[in-house]
C-alpha atoms as a PDB file:
ATOM      1  CA  MET A   1     111.030 106.646 103.722  1.00  0.00           C
ATOM      2  CA  SER A   2     108.706 106.738 106.810  1.00  0.00           C
ATOM      3  CA  LEU A   3     109.942 105.018 109.986  1.00  0.00           C
ATOM      4  CA  ARG A   4     106.425 105.145 111.530  1.00  0.00           C
ATOM      5  CA  LYS A   5     104.957 101.691 112.481  1.00  0.00           C
ATOM      6  CA  PRO A   6     101.711 100.391 110.675  1.00  0.00           C
ATOM      7  CA  TRP A   7      99.458 101.024 113.787  1.00  0.00           C
ATOM      8  CA  SER A   8     100.431 104.546 113.728  1.00  0.00           C
ATOM      9  CA  ARG A   9      98.675 105.314 110.476  1.00  0.00           C
ATOM     10  CA  ARG A  10      95.451 104.502 112.257  1.00  0.00           C
ATOM     11  CA  MET A  11      96.215 106.172 115.692  1.00  0.00           C
ATOM     12  CA  LYS A  12      97.775 109.356 116.078  1.00  0.00           C
ATOM     13  CA  LEU A  13     101.314 109.471 117.762  1.00  0.00           C
ATOM     14  CA  THR A  14      99.873 111.477 120.823  1.00  0.00           C
ATOM     15  CA  PHE A  15      99.300 110.344 124.506  1.00  0.00           C
ATOM     16  CA  GLY A  16      95.814 109.151 123.594  1.00  0.00           C
ATOM     17  CA  GLY A  17      97.148 107.181 120.543  1.00  0.00           C
ATOM     18  CA  PHE A  18      99.681 105.492 122.853  1.00  0.00           C
ATOM     19  CA  VAL A  19      97.082 104.733 125.348  1.00  0.00           C
ATOM     20  CA  LEU A  20      94.803 103.132 122.559  1.00  0.00           C
ATOM     21  CA  ALA A  21      97.781 101.020 121.283  1.00  0.00           C
ATOM     22  CA  LEU A  22      98.672  99.849 125.049  1.00  0.00           C
ATOM     23  CA  LEU A  23      95.150  98.944 125.728  1.00  0.00           C
ATOM     24  CA  LEU A  24      95.061  96.959 122.288  1.00  0.00           C
ATOM     25  CA  ALA A  25      98.234  95.278 123.146  1.00  0.00           C
ATOM     26  CA  LEU A  26      97.103  94.216 126.651  1.00  0.00           C
ATOM     27  CA  ASP A  27      93.706  92.956 125.140  1.00  0.00           C
ATOM     28  CA  GLN A  28      95.463  90.858 122.649  1.00  0.00           C
ATOM     29  CA  LEU A  29      97.929  89.533 125.482  1.00  0.00           C
ATOM     30  CA  GLY A  30      95.068  88.706 127.577  1.00  0.00           C
ATOM     31  CA  ASN A  31      93.424  86.834 124.652  1.00  0.00           C
ATOM     32  CA  VAL A  32      96.710  84.596 124.393  1.00  0.00           C
ATOM     33  CA  LEU A  33      97.070  84.027 127.866  1.00  0.00           C
ATOM     34  CA  ILE A  34      93.557  83.368 129.205  1.00  0.00           C
ATOM     35  CA  LEU A  35      91.653  82.269 125.881  1.00  0.00           C
ATOM     36  CA  GLY A  36      94.695  80.430 124.229  1.00  0.00           C
ATOM     37  CA  GLY A  37      93.967  82.587 121.207  1.00  0.00           C
ATOM     38  CA  ASP A  38      95.557  84.072 118.147  1.00  0.00           C
ATOM     39  CA  PRO A  39      97.790  87.045 119.230  1.00  0.00           C
ATOM     40  CA  ASP A  40      96.379  89.132 116.362  1.00  0.00           C
ATOM     41  CA  MET A  41      92.929  88.640 117.894  1.00  0.00           C
ATOM     42  CA  THR A  42      91.257  90.576 120.823  1.00  0.00           C
ATOM     43  CA  MET A  43      89.254  88.945 123.679  1.00  0.00           C
ATOM     44  CA  SER A  44      86.299  90.401 122.268  1.00  0.00           C
ATOM     45  CA  THR A  45      86.613  88.641 118.886  1.00  0.00           C
ATOM     46  CA  ASN A  46      87.492  85.521 120.444  1.00  0.00           C
ATOM     47  CA  CYS A  47      84.726  85.354 122.919  1.00  0.00           C
ATOM     48  CA  GLY A  48      82.230  86.408 120.024  1.00  0.00           C
ATOM     49  CA  LEU A  49      83.460  83.594 117.777  1.00  0.00           C
ATOM     50  CA  ARG A  50      83.204  81.062 120.837  1.00  0.00           C
ATOM     51  CA  ILE A  51      79.812  82.197 121.777  1.00  0.00           C
ATOM     52  CA  ASP A  52      78.625  82.141 117.848  1.00  0.00           C
ATOM     53  CA  ALA A  53      79.964  78.580 117.659  1.00  0.00           C
ATOM     54  CA  SER A  54      77.939  77.450 120.573  1.00  0.00           C
ATOM     55  CA  ASP A  55      80.885  76.451 122.567  1.00  0.00           C
ATOM     56  CA  ASN A  56      79.741  75.297 125.964  1.00  0.00           C
ATOM     57  CA  SER A  57      83.041  75.202 127.730  1.00  0.00           C
ATOM     58  CA  ARG A  58      83.518  76.468 131.244  1.00  0.00           C
ATOM     59  CA  LEU A  59      85.690  78.927 129.893  1.00  0.00           C
ATOM     60  CA  THR A  60      83.074  80.252 127.509  1.00  0.00           C
ATOM     61  CA  ARG A  61      80.241  80.177 130.196  1.00  0.00           C
ATOM     62  CA  TYR A  62      82.201  81.769 132.969  1.00  0.00           C
ATOM     63  CA  PHE A  63      84.484  84.273 131.172  1.00  0.00           C
ATOM     64  CA  CYS A  64      83.227  85.115 127.698  1.00  0.00           C
ATOM     65  CA  ARG A  65      79.578  85.414 128.325  1.00  0.00           C
ATOM     66  CA  PRO A  66      80.072  87.928 131.405  1.00  0.00           C
ATOM     67  CA  VAL A  67      82.599  89.739 129.573  1.00  0.00           C
ATOM     68  CA  CYS A  68      80.332  90.340 126.519  1.00  0.00           C
ATOM     69  CA  ARG A  69      77.429  90.992 128.857  1.00  0.00           C
ATOM     70  CA  LEU A  70      79.544  93.769 130.436  1.00  0.00           C
ATOM     71  CA  LEU A  71      80.880  95.243 127.104  1.00  0.00           C
ATOM     72  CA  ASP A  72      77.175  95.307 125.988  1.00  0.00           C
ATOM     73  CA  LEU A  73      76.590  98.124 128.555  1.00  0.00           C
ATOM     74  CA  VAL A  74      79.027 100.128 126.874  1.00  0.00           C
ATOM     75  CA  ASP A  75      78.940  99.265 123.253  1.00  0.00           C
ATOM     76  CA  LYS A  76      75.692  97.429 122.215  1.00  0.00           C
ATOM     77  CA  ASN A  77      76.561  94.081 120.421  1.00  0.00           C
ATOM     78  CA  HIS A  78      80.251  94.517 120.904  1.00  0.00           C
ATOM     79  CA  CYS A  79      81.312  90.960 120.773  1.00  0.00           C
ATOM     80  CA  GLU A  80      79.138  90.078 117.658  1.00  0.00           C
ATOM     81  CA  ASN A  81      80.528  93.200 115.976  1.00  0.00           C
ATOM     82  CA  ALA A  82      84.121  92.414 116.702  1.00  0.00           C
ATOM     83  CA  ARG A  83      84.032  88.890 115.382  1.00  0.00           C
ATOM     84  CA  GLU A  84      83.110  90.537 111.939  1.00  0.00           C
END
């Protein structure tokens, strides 16, 4: 019987895998604290869903749209791909 956690199947239990898991946890925590979203969802996914639903709230205008534009510089259509 394996005592490994489910996420460890996708991420190796190395320092790099630990850092990725930590960043994912911080992203999900930010989604809950800032956007009031589902704990299993990342900020990118939540922002992508808000933009796709044409949500015109202040949070979407002043947080989600700039975050998605910034992420687009690193990964093209990041928020759109994250919601799928």
